[in-house]
């Protein structure tokens, strides 16, 4: 199987230079052997063949179905279902008019390379250190950057400084934002919790920054180290909303960005998000570093105590800053903070806080969610916890809603011409939401096993790698005709034609307006919250 995947990678890398026109919509990485395999084509065809890519030998034929139409697309499609074919190999689809699809594979571990590349993209986002990678015949690197993070002018007296070096650059810019770190870290801790039996065996060729940690957690610790520095230096527990310049830089490499960067004023959303992250970090890092786990827990409890004493919402005001706002209310963040501390410590006071907050909410589980609302992560921690003491009534209600939302996601995918779990909803960053919905489905499958949940989770992966109106991958360096011009300062400034690999781009704000252009930050930016969702989505479908 490894040889098949390697050959497929070579073929897909070669395909990156091919033109965007592609009448086929399919997962150009491939399909798992014992799962559904449905592609679509934008021209009429009555039948299709599956052929071995190396020889052209026909190994399967069947009738096409369609046409299928959808209001928000100008096209109509015919479906090509080859689910019953399960033999490993590299293949293409051929239709009546002789047109042939891009190469894809069928196998039991066709997403390993994509998973490893997408996860390692976080290492390549590291701030405060040099990074390097070889991929597709290109070298990617930047020198240690932002070593003067950060100045305290906006939270203490002007001219002050404290160590804020480290963490990940947040997106296409070089800023660092606590609220977006919250959902990103939360998703990847969920990946570790749900799939660590596989992930613990993976090596990503990372620097030895956390001895004795599994590589997956080693990278998460890099971000945790930085987040610990975001608490105010006065010991109050307040957490700065972000650490950035006052304005975005030009398209320059990180090490060339020398403008002063500041700790900003605190926000209650960032402080609560910090608590959730640190409680999780304490729990998952404890087997590898008890002292560090205690440090994370102590930091979480200090900030939680501050939130209890200051229950009012405190908004971060941008003021002099025009970098990413990440403004959100804090009810969901406080909910998440309480439940993660309860799961980590077993303290009933945290459980009571969580259940009191959840009982007052009109909705417990969301189908469509992002950094503005992390309620799902809080509720899923509660539902999956093995701790005693939960309210039976509240637990049953939350479980019922989680299953109902998963069923709704399945229905939307079933009714979409590309089997997209988000259906016909499009907006800034919607590709990240498509990937993030896999968490909804995987959690529901744990309560109420249902093959439709897993197939719909796979449909999310299929959509991101080519089963879409463009017939191309949304992840740099992976799949057929992937994005070449993401809104990413490194990719735009390094002098290498191909962009930094493994990054999911945000996607169109309507069904048909995505453009592969560097300037299109609203459709083609990269960001850690979308990336973490992609990592989670892929993690459930890789093999040891």
Protein backbone atom coordinates (compact mmCIF):
# COMPACT_ATOMS: atom_id res chain seq x y z
CA UNK A 1 0.00 0.00 0.00
CA UNK A 2 2.86 2.37 0.80
CA UNK A 3 4.17 2.03 -2.79
CA UNK A 4 0.72 2.87 -4.15
CA UNK A 5 0.49 6.02 -2.05
CA UNK A 6 4.02 7.14 -3.00
CA UNK A 7 3.25 6.68 -6.70
CA UNK A 8 0.00 8.57 -6.30
CA UNK A 9 1.81 11.44 -4.59
CA UNK A 10 4.24 11.67 -7.51
CA UNK A 11 1.41 11.70 -10.02
CA UNK A 12 -0.52 14.33 -8.07
CA UNK A 13 2.48 16.60 -7.68
CA UNK A 14 3.00 16.42 -11.43
CA UNK A 15 -0.67 17.25 -11.93
CA UNK A 16 -0.35 20.55 -10.03
CA UNK A 17 0.75 22.29 -13.22
CA UNK A 18 -2.33 21.15 -15.14
CA UNK A 19 -5.00 23.68 -16.14
CA UNK A 20 -8.03 24.35 -13.94
CA UNK A 21 -10.59 23.00 -16.44
CA UNK A 22 -11.83 19.67 -15.13
CA UNK A 23 -15.28 18.26 -15.75
CA UNK A 24 -14.80 15.60 -13.07
CA UNK A 25 -15.55 16.20 -9.39
CA UNK A 26 -13.98 13.56 -7.16
CA UNK A 27 -11.60 13.15 -4.27
CA UNK A 28 -8.34 13.37 -6.19
CA UNK A 29 -6.46 11.80 -3.27
CA UNK A 30 -8.60 8.70 -3.39
CA UNK A 31 -11.12 6.54 -1.57
CA UNK A 32 -11.03 4.01 1.24
CA UNK A 33 -11.60 0.47 0.04
CA UNK A 34 -14.70 -0.46 2.02
CA UNK A 35 -16.49 2.88 1.85
CA UNK A 36 -18.62 4.73 -0.68
CA UNK A 37 -16.92 5.97 -3.82
CA UNK A 38 -19.03 8.43 -5.81
CA UNK A 39 -17.69 10.95 -8.31
CA UNK A 40 -19.62 13.28 -10.57
CA UNK A 41 -19.11 14.71 -14.02
CA UNK A 42 -20.43 17.94 -15.54
CA UNK A 43 -21.29 16.53 -18.99
CA UNK A 44 -23.95 14.03 -19.93
CA UNK A 45 -22.82 10.43 -19.95
CA UNK A 46 -24.79 7.21 -19.81
CA UNK A 47 -22.00 4.98 -18.51
CA UNK A 48 -18.43 5.08 -17.23
CA UNK A 49 -15.41 2.87 -16.77
CA UNK A 50 -12.80 2.63 -14.04
CA UNK A 51 -9.35 2.11 -15.54
CA UNK A 52 -5.92 1.37 -14.11
CA UNK A 53 -3.99 4.61 -14.52
CA UNK A 54 -0.68 2.98 -15.48
CA UNK A 55 -2.07 0.65 -18.18
CA UNK A 56 -5.52 1.92 -19.16
CA UNK A 57 -7.01 -1.53 -18.45
CA UNK A 58 -10.74 -1.40 -17.69
CA UNK A 59 -11.49 -3.01 -14.32
CA UNK A 60 -15.06 -1.85 -13.65
CA UNK A 61 -17.98 -0.42 -15.64
CA UNK A 62 -21.38 0.87 -14.59
CA UNK A 63 -24.25 3.16 -15.53
CA UNK A 64 -24.16 6.85 -14.68
CA UNK A 65 -27.16 8.45 -12.94
CA UNK A 66 -28.53 11.94 -13.36
CA UNK A 67 -28.72 14.69 -14.20
CA UNK A 68 -28.79 16.37 -10.80
CA UNK A 69 -29.20 20.10 -10.37
CA UNK A 70 -28.87 22.56 -7.51
CA UNK A 71 -30.15 26.11 -7.34
CA UNK A 72 -26.87 27.81 -6.42
CA UNK A 73 -24.85 26.19 -9.24
CA UNK A 74 -25.07 26.86 -12.96
CA UNK A 75 -24.17 23.30 -13.84
CA UNK A 76 -25.80 19.89 -13.71
CA UNK A 77 -23.97 16.68 -12.91
CA UNK A 78 -24.16 12.94 -13.49
CA UNK A 79 -23.01 10.62 -10.70
CA UNK A 80 -20.49 7.83 -11.18
CA UNK A 81 -20.83 5.30 -8.35
CA UNK A 82 -18.08 2.68 -8.09
CA UNK A 83 -18.50 1.88 -4.39
CA UNK A 84 -18.52 -1.88 -4.94
CA UNK A 85 -15.00 -1.84 -6.41
CA UNK A 86 -12.45 -2.34 -3.61
CA UNK A 87 -9.16 -3.40 -5.16
CA UNK A 88 -6.11 -1.35 -4.18
CA UNK A 89 -4.45 0.65 -6.88
CA UNK A 90 -4.22 3.90 -8.82
CA UNK A 91 -7.13 4.61 -11.15
CA UNK A 92 -8.94 7.05 -13.41
CA UNK A 93 -12.55 7.36 -14.53
CA UNK A 94 -13.45 7.40 -18.22
CA UNK A 95 -16.82 8.49 -19.62
CA UNK A 96 -18.65 8.00 -22.94
CA UNK A 97 -16.99 10.90 -24.75
CA UNK A 98 -13.52 9.57 -23.92
CA UNK A 99 -12.70 12.15 -21.26
CA UNK A 100 -10.55 10.81 -18.42
CA UNK A 101 -10.37 12.03 -14.83
CA UNK A 102 -7.29 12.92 -12.79
CA UNK A 103 -5.53 10.01 -11.11
CA UNK A 104 -6.72 8.87 -7.68
CA UNK A 105 -6.14 5.81 -5.54
CA UNK A 106 -8.18 3.20 -3.73
CA UNK A 107 -6.67 1.76 -0.59
CA UNK A 108 -6.93 1.41 3.16
CA UNK A 109 -4.65 4.36 4.00
CA UNK A 110 -4.94 6.84 1.15
CA UNK A 111 -5.03 9.91 3.42
CA UNK A 112 -1.82 9.33 5.38
CA UNK A 113 0.34 11.66 3.27
CA UNK A 114 -2.31 14.38 3.32
CA UNK A 115 -2.71 14.06 7.08
CA UNK A 116 1.03 14.20 7.77
CA UNK A 117 1.52 17.16 5.43
CA UNK A 118 -1.45 19.08 6.85
CA UNK A 119 -0.37 18.51 10.43
CA UNK A 120 3.26 19.40 9.72
CA UNK A 121 1.98 22.69 8.32
CA UNK A 122 1.64 23.80 11.95
CA UNK A 123 5.36 23.32 12.46
CA UNK A 124 5.93 25.50 9.39
CA UNK A 125 3.77 28.16 11.06
CA UNK A 126 6.09 28.37 14.06
CA UNK A 127 6.96 31.87 15.19
CA UNK A 128 10.17 32.66 17.04
CA UNK A 129 12.15 29.84 15.47
CA UNK A 130 13.60 28.89 12.11
CA UNK A 131 11.69 26.26 10.14
CA UNK A 132 12.48 24.27 7.00
CA UNK A 133 10.93 21.64 4.78
CA UNK A 134 11.48 19.89 1.46
CA UNK A 135 8.36 19.19 -0.56
CA UNK A 136 7.65 18.51 -4.21
CA UNK A 137 11.22 19.30 -5.17
CA UNK A 138 11.11 22.70 -3.46
CA UNK A 139 12.75 24.00 -0.29
CA UNK A 140 10.71 26.06 2.17
CA UNK A 141 12.23 27.90 5.10
CA UNK A 142 12.30 31.04 7.16
CA UNK A 143 14.71 32.24 9.82
CA UNK A 144 13.85 32.81 13.48
CA UNK A 145 11.37 35.68 13.56
CA UNK A 146 9.64 38.12 15.90
CA UNK A 147 12.22 37.66 18.63
CA UNK A 148 11.21 40.95 20.23
CA UNK A 149 7.63 39.89 21.01
CA UNK A 150 6.22 41.65 22.82
CA UNK A 151 5.91 45.22 24.03
CA UNK A 152 3.65 46.12 26.95
CA UNK A 153 2.70 49.68 25.98
CA UNK A 154 -1.02 48.86 25.75
CA UNK A 155 -1.36 46.97 29.04
CA UNK A 156 1.20 48.61 31.37
CA UNK A 157 3.51 51.60 31.16
CA UNK A 158 4.92 52.50 27.78
CA UNK A 159 8.34 51.03 27.05
CA UNK A 160 7.80 47.80 28.96
CA UNK A 161 8.54 44.39 27.49
CA UNK A 162 8.05 40.77 28.43
CA UNK A 163 8.69 37.51 26.64
CA UNK A 164 5.97 36.72 24.13
CA UNK A 165 8.14 34.80 21.67
CA UNK A 166 6.83 31.57 20.17
CA UNK A 167 3.53 30.06 19.12
CA UNK A 168 2.14 29.87 15.59
CA UNK A 169 1.48 32.62 13.10
CA UNK A 170 -2.28 32.69 12.95
CA UNK A 171 -3.13 32.90 9.27
CA UNK A 172 -1.93 34.61 6.13
CA UNK A 173 -0.52 37.32 8.39
CA UNK A 174 2.10 37.03 11.11
CA UNK A 175 -0.13 37.87 14.09
CA UNK A 176 -0.94 35.65 17.07
CA UNK A 177 -4.49 35.56 18.46
CA UNK A 178 -5.73 33.77 21.60
CA UNK A 179 -9.38 33.28 20.62
CA UNK A 180 -8.48 31.56 17.36
CA UNK A 181 -5.87 29.50 19.16
CA UNK A 182 -8.68 28.24 21.39
CA UNK A 183 -10.74 26.51 18.74
CA UNK A 184 -7.60 25.32 16.96
CA UNK A 185 -6.03 23.73 20.01
CA UNK A 186 -9.38 22.35 21.11
CA UNK A 187 -9.92 20.57 17.80
CA UNK A 188 -6.45 19.05 17.82
CA UNK A 189 -6.74 17.92 21.43
CA UNK A 190 -10.00 16.22 20.36
CA UNK A 191 -8.05 14.56 17.54
CA UNK A 192 -5.55 13.27 20.07
CA UNK A 193 -8.28 12.12 22.44
CA UNK A 194 -10.24 10.29 19.75
CA UNK A 195 -7.44 8.85 17.63
CA UNK A 196 -4.28 8.76 19.75
CA UNK A 197 -3.99 4.99 19.33
CA UNK A 198 -2.95 5.81 15.76
CA UNK A 199 -1.45 9.28 16.14
CA UNK A 200 0.95 8.34 18.91
CA UNK A 201 2.89 6.23 16.41
CA UNK A 202 3.42 9.01 13.89
CA UNK A 203 6.64 10.97 13.46
CA UNK A 204 6.65 14.35 11.73
CA UNK A 205 10.38 15.12 11.76
CA UNK A 206 9.96 17.91 14.30
CA UNK A 207 12.71 19.67 16.26
CA UNK A 208 13.25 18.24 19.73
CA UNK A 209 11.42 20.99 21.60
CA UNK A 210 9.52 18.69 23.98
CA UNK A 211 11.57 15.60 24.90
CA UNK A 212 9.60 12.41 25.53
CA UNK A 213 6.37 13.85 24.08
CA UNK A 214 4.73 12.11 21.10
CA UNK A 215 5.30 14.27 18.04
CA UNK A 216 1.63 15.22 17.76
CA UNK A 217 1.59 16.64 21.29
CA UNK A 218 5.06 18.11 20.84
CA UNK A 219 3.66 20.53 18.26
CA UNK A 220 0.69 21.42 20.46
CA UNK A 221 3.07 22.17 23.32
CA UNK A 222 4.83 24.74 21.13
CA UNK A 223 1.62 26.74 20.99
CA UNK A 224 0.85 26.10 24.66
CA UNK A 225 4.24 27.50 25.67
CA UNK A 226 3.37 30.76 23.93
CA UNK A 227 -0.16 30.92 25.29
CA UNK A 228 1.15 30.72 28.85
CA UNK A 229 2.96 33.99 28.13
CA UNK A 230 -0.29 35.74 27.25
CA UNK A 231 -1.44 36.09 30.85
CA UNK A 232 -0.95 39.59 32.22
CA UNK A 233 2.32 39.99 34.12
CA UNK A 234 0.45 41.27 37.22
CA UNK A 235 -0.80 37.79 38.17
CA UNK A 236 -4.45 38.80 37.85
CA UNK A 237 -5.27 36.01 35.39
CA UNK A 238 -6.33 38.37 32.63
CA UNK A 239 -5.22 37.25 29.16
CA UNK A 240 -4.23 39.57 26.33
CA UNK A 241 -6.51 39.24 23.34
CA UNK A 242 -3.63 39.08 20.85
CA UNK A 243 0.00 39.88 20.14
CA UNK A 244 0.43 41.77 16.85
CA UNK A 245 1.63 44.90 15.12
CA UNK A 246 -0.87 47.73 14.97
CA UNK A 247 -1.36 47.05 11.25
CA UNK A 248 -0.78 44.20 8.84
CA UNK A 249 2.63 43.90 7.20
CA UNK A 250 3.25 43.83 3.49
CA UNK A 251 3.94 40.45 1.87
CA UNK A 252 7.31 39.90 3.50
CA UNK A 253 8.94 36.91 5.17
CA UNK A 254 8.43 36.65 8.94
CA UNK A 255 12.08 37.39 9.75
CA UNK A 256 11.85 40.63 7.75
CA UNK A 257 8.94 41.91 9.84
CA UNK A 258 10.68 44.24 12.30
CA UNK A 259 7.84 46.56 13.30
CA UNK A 260 7.03 46.59 17.03
CA UNK A 261 4.45 44.04 18.16
CA UNK A 262 2.37 44.46 21.27
CA UNK A 263 0.46 42.54 23.89
CA UNK A 264 -3.02 44.01 23.64
CA UNK A 265 -5.61 44.62 26.32
CA UNK A 266 -7.37 41.56 27.70
CA UNK A 267 -10.78 40.26 26.71
CA UNK A 268 -13.05 37.91 28.63
CA UNK A 269 -13.41 35.66 25.56
CA UNK A 270 -9.64 35.26 25.29
CA UNK A 271 -9.28 34.70 29.04
CA UNK A 272 -11.97 31.99 29.04
CA UNK A 273 -10.56 30.38 25.92
CA UNK A 274 -7.15 30.32 27.61
CA UNK A 275 -8.69 28.41 30.54
CA UNK A 276 -10.15 25.78 28.22
CA UNK A 277 -6.84 25.28 26.42
CA UNK A 278 -4.79 25.06 29.60
CA UNK A 279 -7.16 22.60 31.23
CA UNK A 280 -6.94 20.35 28.18
CA UNK A 281 -3.17 20.76 28.02
CA UNK A 282 -2.83 19.74 31.66
CA UNK A 283 -4.86 16.61 31.01
CA UNK A 284 -3.16 15.45 27.84
CA UNK A 285 0.40 16.45 28.70
CA UNK A 286 0.34 14.92 32.21
CA UNK A 287 1.53 11.42 31.18
CA UNK A 288 4.65 12.99 29.64
CA UNK A 289 5.44 15.93 31.93
CA UNK A 290 3.66 16.17 35.27
CA UNK A 291 5.37 19.42 36.28
CA UNK A 292 4.36 21.16 33.08
CA UNK A 293 0.82 19.80 33.40
CA UNK A 294 0.59 21.30 36.87
CA UNK A 295 1.82 24.63 35.51
CA UNK A 296 -0.94 24.62 32.86
CA UNK A 297 -3.60 23.73 35.41
CA UNK A 298 -2.47 26.43 37.83
CA UNK A 299 -2.61 29.02 35.04
CA UNK A 300 -6.10 27.86 34.08
CA UNK A 301 -7.37 28.09 37.63
CA UNK A 302 -5.97 31.59 38.15
CA UNK A 303 -7.71 32.85 35.01
CA UNK A 304 -10.92 31.01 35.86
CA UNK A 305 -10.91 32.64 39.29
CA UNK A 306 -10.59 36.03 37.65
CA UNK A 307 -13.56 35.28 35.41
CA UNK A 308 -15.68 34.26 38.40
CA UNK A 309 -14.87 37.55 40.12
CA UNK A 310 -15.54 39.46 36.88
CA UNK A 311 -18.65 37.87 35.32
CA UNK A 312 -19.38 40.73 32.94
CA UNK A 313 -18.44 40.52 29.27
CA UNK A 314 -15.27 42.48 28.52
CA UNK A 315 -14.77 43.27 24.86
CA UNK A 316 -11.37 43.98 23.39
CA UNK A 317 -11.50 47.34 21.66
CA UNK A 318 -9.32 47.52 18.57
CA UNK A 319 -8.27 51.14 19.09
CA UNK A 320 -4.95 51.61 17.33
CA UNK A 321 -5.01 48.05 15.97
CA UNK A 322 -6.43 47.02 12.60
CA UNK A 323 -5.12 43.46 12.66
CA UNK A 324 -7.51 40.53 13.11
CA UNK A 325 -10.32 41.37 15.51
CA UNK A 326 -11.61 37.93 16.55
CA UNK A 327 -14.35 39.65 18.51
CA UNK A 328 -16.92 37.35 20.02
CA UNK A 329 -19.18 37.13 23.03
CA UNK A 330 -17.84 35.04 25.89
CA UNK A 331 -20.74 32.79 26.95
CA UNK A 332 -19.48 29.85 24.91
CA UNK A 333 -15.88 30.37 26.02
CA UNK A 334 -16.87 30.47 29.70
CA UNK A 335 -18.92 27.31 29.17
CA UNK A 336 -15.91 25.57 27.63
CA UNK A 337 -13.59 26.80 30.39
CA UNK A 338 -15.79 25.34 33.11
CA UNK A 339 -16.28 21.92 31.55
CA UNK A 340 -12.61 21.43 30.67
CA UNK A 341 -11.58 22.26 34.23
CA UNK A 342 -14.17 19.81 35.53
CA UNK A 343 -12.99 17.07 33.17
CA UNK A 344 -9.39 17.67 34.23
CA UNK A 345 -9.95 17.96 38.00
CA UNK A 346 -13.32 16.43 38.82
CA UNK A 347 -14.17 19.50 40.92
CA UNK A 348 -17.96 19.66 41.21
CA UNK A 349 -17.94 23.45 41.34
CA UNK A 350 -16.77 23.53 37.74
CA UNK A 351 -19.47 21.03 36.76
CA UNK A 352 -22.14 23.11 38.46
CA UNK A 353 -20.95 26.22 36.62
CA UNK A 354 -21.05 24.40 33.29
CA UNK A 355 -24.47 22.81 33.80
CA UNK A 356 -25.98 26.06 35.04
CA UNK A 357 -24.74 27.87 31.95
CA UNK A 358 -25.79 25.11 29.53
CA UNK A 359 -29.27 24.82 31.01
CA UNK A 360 -29.93 28.46 30.14
CA UNK A 361 -28.96 28.13 26.49
CA UNK A 362 -31.67 27.78 23.85
CA UNK A 363 -29.44 25.58 21.73
CA UNK A 364 -26.75 23.18 22.90
CA UNK A 365 -25.17 21.89 19.69
CA UNK A 366 -24.56 23.79 16.46
CA UNK A 367 -24.41 22.46 12.94
CA UNK A 368 -22.43 25.41 11.59
CA UNK A 369 -19.75 26.77 13.93
CA UNK A 370 -16.30 28.36 14.10
CA UNK A 371 -14.15 30.44 16.46
CA UNK A 372 -17.07 32.74 17.32
CA UNK A 373 -18.83 29.87 19.10
CA UNK A 374 -17.03 26.92 20.69
CA UNK A 375 -20.11 25.62 22.52
CA UNK A 376 -19.89 22.33 20.61
CA UNK A 377 -16.46 21.58 22.05
CA UNK A 378 -17.77 22.21 25.57
CA UNK A 379 -20.83 20.00 25.10
CA UNK A 380 -18.82 17.21 23.47
CA UNK A 381 -16.35 17.14 26.37
CA UNK A 382 -19.34 16.83 28.72
CA UNK A 383 -21.06 14.11 26.71
CA UNK A 384 -17.91 12.02 26.24
CA UNK A 385 -16.70 12.34 29.82
CA UNK A 386 -16.66 9.20 31.95
CA UNK A 387 -16.90 11.22 35.17
CA UNK A 388 -19.89 10.77 37.46
CA UNK A 389 -22.20 13.50 38.69
CA UNK A 390 -23.71 14.74 35.44
CA UNK A 391 -27.36 15.80 35.38
CA UNK A 392 -29.20 12.95 33.70
CA UNK A 393 -31.82 15.29 32.27
CA UNK A 394 -29.28 17.70 30.84
CA UNK A 395 -27.11 14.90 29.54
CA UNK A 396 -30.03 13.25 27.71
CA UNK A 397 -31.09 16.55 26.19
CA UNK A 398 -27.58 17.37 24.98
CA UNK A 399 -27.07 13.87 23.58
CA UNK A 400 -30.38 14.00 21.72
CA UNK A 401 -29.46 17.35 20.21
CA UNK A 402 -25.99 16.14 19.18
CA UNK A 403 -27.55 13.22 17.31
CA UNK A 404 -30.23 15.43 15.75
CA UNK A 405 -27.60 17.86 14.44
CA UNK A 406 -25.54 14.99 13.02
CA UNK A 407 -28.64 13.67 11.26
CA UNK A 408 -29.28 17.11 9.79
CA UNK A 409 -25.71 17.25 8.47
CA UNK A 410 -26.19 13.84 6.86
CA UNK A 411 -29.42 15.01 5.23
CA UNK A 412 -27.79 18.15 3.82
CA UNK A 413 -24.96 16.11 2.32
CA UNK A 414 -27.44 13.63 0.84
CA UNK A 415 -29.34 16.45 -0.89
CA UNK A 416 -26.26 18.27 -2.21
CA UNK A 417 -25.04 17.50 -5.73
CA UNK A 418 -21.46 17.26 -4.44
CA UNK A 419 -22.47 15.58 -1.14
CA UNK A 420 -21.14 18.61 0.77
CA UNK A 421 -22.08 18.36 4.48
CA UNK A 422 -22.64 22.12 4.77
CA UNK A 423 -25.05 21.97 1.85
CA UNK A 424 -25.64 25.23 0.01
CA UNK A 425 -24.28 27.54 2.72
CA UNK A 426 -21.15 29.49 1.75
CA UNK A 427 -19.22 32.23 3.55
CA UNK A 428 -15.71 33.36 4.50
CA UNK A 429 -13.85 30.26 5.73
CA UNK A 430 -16.60 27.76 4.94
CA UNK A 431 -14.08 25.10 3.92
CA UNK A 432 -12.97 25.07 7.54
CA UNK A 433 -16.54 24.50 8.65
CA UNK A 434 -16.97 21.60 6.24
CA UNK A 435 -13.94 19.97 7.86
CA UNK A 436 -15.09 20.93 11.36
CA UNK A 437 -18.45 19.21 10.89
CA UNK A 438 -16.53 15.93 10.93
CA UNK A 439 -16.24 16.39 14.72
CA UNK A 440 -20.05 16.59 14.96
CA UNK A 441 -20.32 13.36 13.01
CA UNK A 442 -17.56 11.44 14.78
CA UNK A 443 -18.94 12.34 18.22
CA UNK A 444 -22.49 11.33 17.25
CA UNK A 445 -21.14 8.06 15.91
CA UNK A 446 -19.71 7.30 19.35
CA UNK A 447 -23.16 7.61 20.96
CA UNK A 448 -25.22 6.19 18.15
CA UNK A 449 -23.10 4.21 15.65
CA UNK A 450 -24.37 4.89 12.15
CA UNK A 451 -22.51 4.23 8.88
CA UNK A 452 -24.11 7.37 7.44
CA UNK A 453 -22.14 9.52 9.90
CA UNK A 454 -18.84 8.07 8.73
CA UNK A 455 -19.73 8.26 5.05
CA UNK A 456 -20.78 11.90 5.48
CA UNK A 457 -17.52 12.63 7.32
CA UNK A 458 -15.72 11.15 4.33
CA UNK A 459 -17.84 13.30 2.03
CA UNK A 460 -16.38 16.33 3.81
CA UNK A 461 -12.88 15.07 3.00
CA UNK A 462 -13.93 14.30 -0.58
CA UNK A 463 -15.26 17.83 -1.04
CA UNK A 464 -12.05 19.44 0.17
CA UNK A 465 -9.89 17.42 -2.21
CA UNK A 466 -11.88 17.79 -5.40
CA UNK A 467 -15.50 16.70 -5.09
CA UNK A 468 -16.66 20.26 -5.69
CA UNK A 469 -17.77 22.57 -8.48
CA UNK A 470 -14.16 23.39 -9.40
CA UNK A 471 -13.01 19.77 -9.64
CA UNK A 472 -9.83 20.66 -7.77
CA UNK A 473 -8.24 20.44 -4.34
CA UNK A 474 -8.58 23.22 -1.77
CA UNK A 475 -5.32 22.24 -0.01
CA UNK A 476 -1.94 23.51 -1.17
CA UNK A 477 0.42 20.86 -2.52
CA UNK A 478 -2.15 18.06 -2.26
CA UNK A 479 -4.51 16.58 -4.81
CA UNK A 480 -5.30 17.70 -8.34
CA UNK A 481 -4.65 21.32 -9.33
CA UNK A 482 -4.41 22.64 -5.75
CA UNK A 483 -4.30 26.35 -4.86
CA UNK A 484 -1.15 28.01 -6.12
CA UNK A 485 -1.71 31.55 -4.81
CA UNK A 486 -3.03 31.43 -1.24
CA UNK A 487 -3.28 34.62 0.78
CA UNK A 488 -0.17 33.74 2.78
CA UNK A 489 2.74 36.09 3.28
CA UNK A 490 5.37 33.34 3.25
CA UNK A 491 4.09 31.89 -0.03
CA UNK A 492 3.96 35.34 -1.57
CA UNK A 493 7.41 36.46 -0.42
CA UNK A 494 9.75 33.45 -0.54
CA UNK A 495 10.49 33.43 -4.28
CA UNK A 496 9.31 29.82 -4.67
CA UNK A 497 6.56 29.38 -7.25
CA UNK A 498 4.66 26.66 -5.41
CA UNK A 499 3.08 27.72 -2.10
CA UNK A 500 3.95 26.30 1.30
CA UNK A 501 2.37 22.82 1.40
CA UNK A 502 -0.54 21.32 3.28
CA UNK A 503 -2.70 24.41 3.90
CA UNK A 504 -6.46 24.51 3.40
CA UNK A 505 -7.80 27.76 1.92
CA UNK A 506 -11.03 29.36 3.08
CA UNK A 507 -13.23 28.77 0.02
CA UNK A 508 -15.84 30.82 -1.77
CA UNK A 509 -18.33 33.14 -0.12
CA UNK A 510 -20.85 31.92 -2.67
CA UNK A 511 -21.10 28.61 -4.48
CA UNK A 512 -19.09 29.79 -7.48
CA UNK A 513 -16.91 32.78 -6.51
CA UNK A 514 -13.74 31.11 -5.19
CA UNK A 515 -10.65 32.37 -6.99
CA UNK A 516 -7.09 31.17 -6.63
CA UNK A 517 -5.61 34.64 -6.17
CA UNK A 518 -3.23 35.87 -3.49
CA UNK A 519 -5.15 39.13 -3.02
CA UNK A 520 -8.41 37.31 -2.36
CA UNK A 521 -8.11 37.04 1.42
CA UNK A 522 -11.86 36.47 1.68
CA UNK A 523 -11.66 33.23 -0.33
CA UNK A 524 -8.04 32.11 -0.43
CA UNK A 525 -6.46 32.82 2.95
CA UNK A 526 -5.05 30.12 5.24
CA UNK A 527 -5.71 30.06 9.00
CA UNK A 528 -5.04 27.82 12.00
CA UNK A 529 -8.72 27.26 12.85
CA UNK A 530 -9.45 25.86 9.38
CA UNK A 531 -6.20 23.90 9.41
CA UNK A 532 -6.96 22.28 12.76
CA UNK A 533 -10.34 21.20 11.42
CA UNK A 534 -8.64 19.59 8.42
CA UNK A 535 -6.23 17.76 10.73
CA UNK A 536 -9.13 16.42 12.79
CA UNK A 537 -11.09 15.38 9.69
CA UNK A 538 -8.18 13.40 8.27
CA UNK A 539 -7.03 11.94 11.60
CA UNK A 540 -10.04 9.64 11.83
CA UNK A 541 -9.22 7.93 8.53
CA UNK A 542 -5.53 7.09 8.78
CA UNK A 543 -4.02 3.77 9.78
CA UNK A 544 -1.37 2.93 12.42
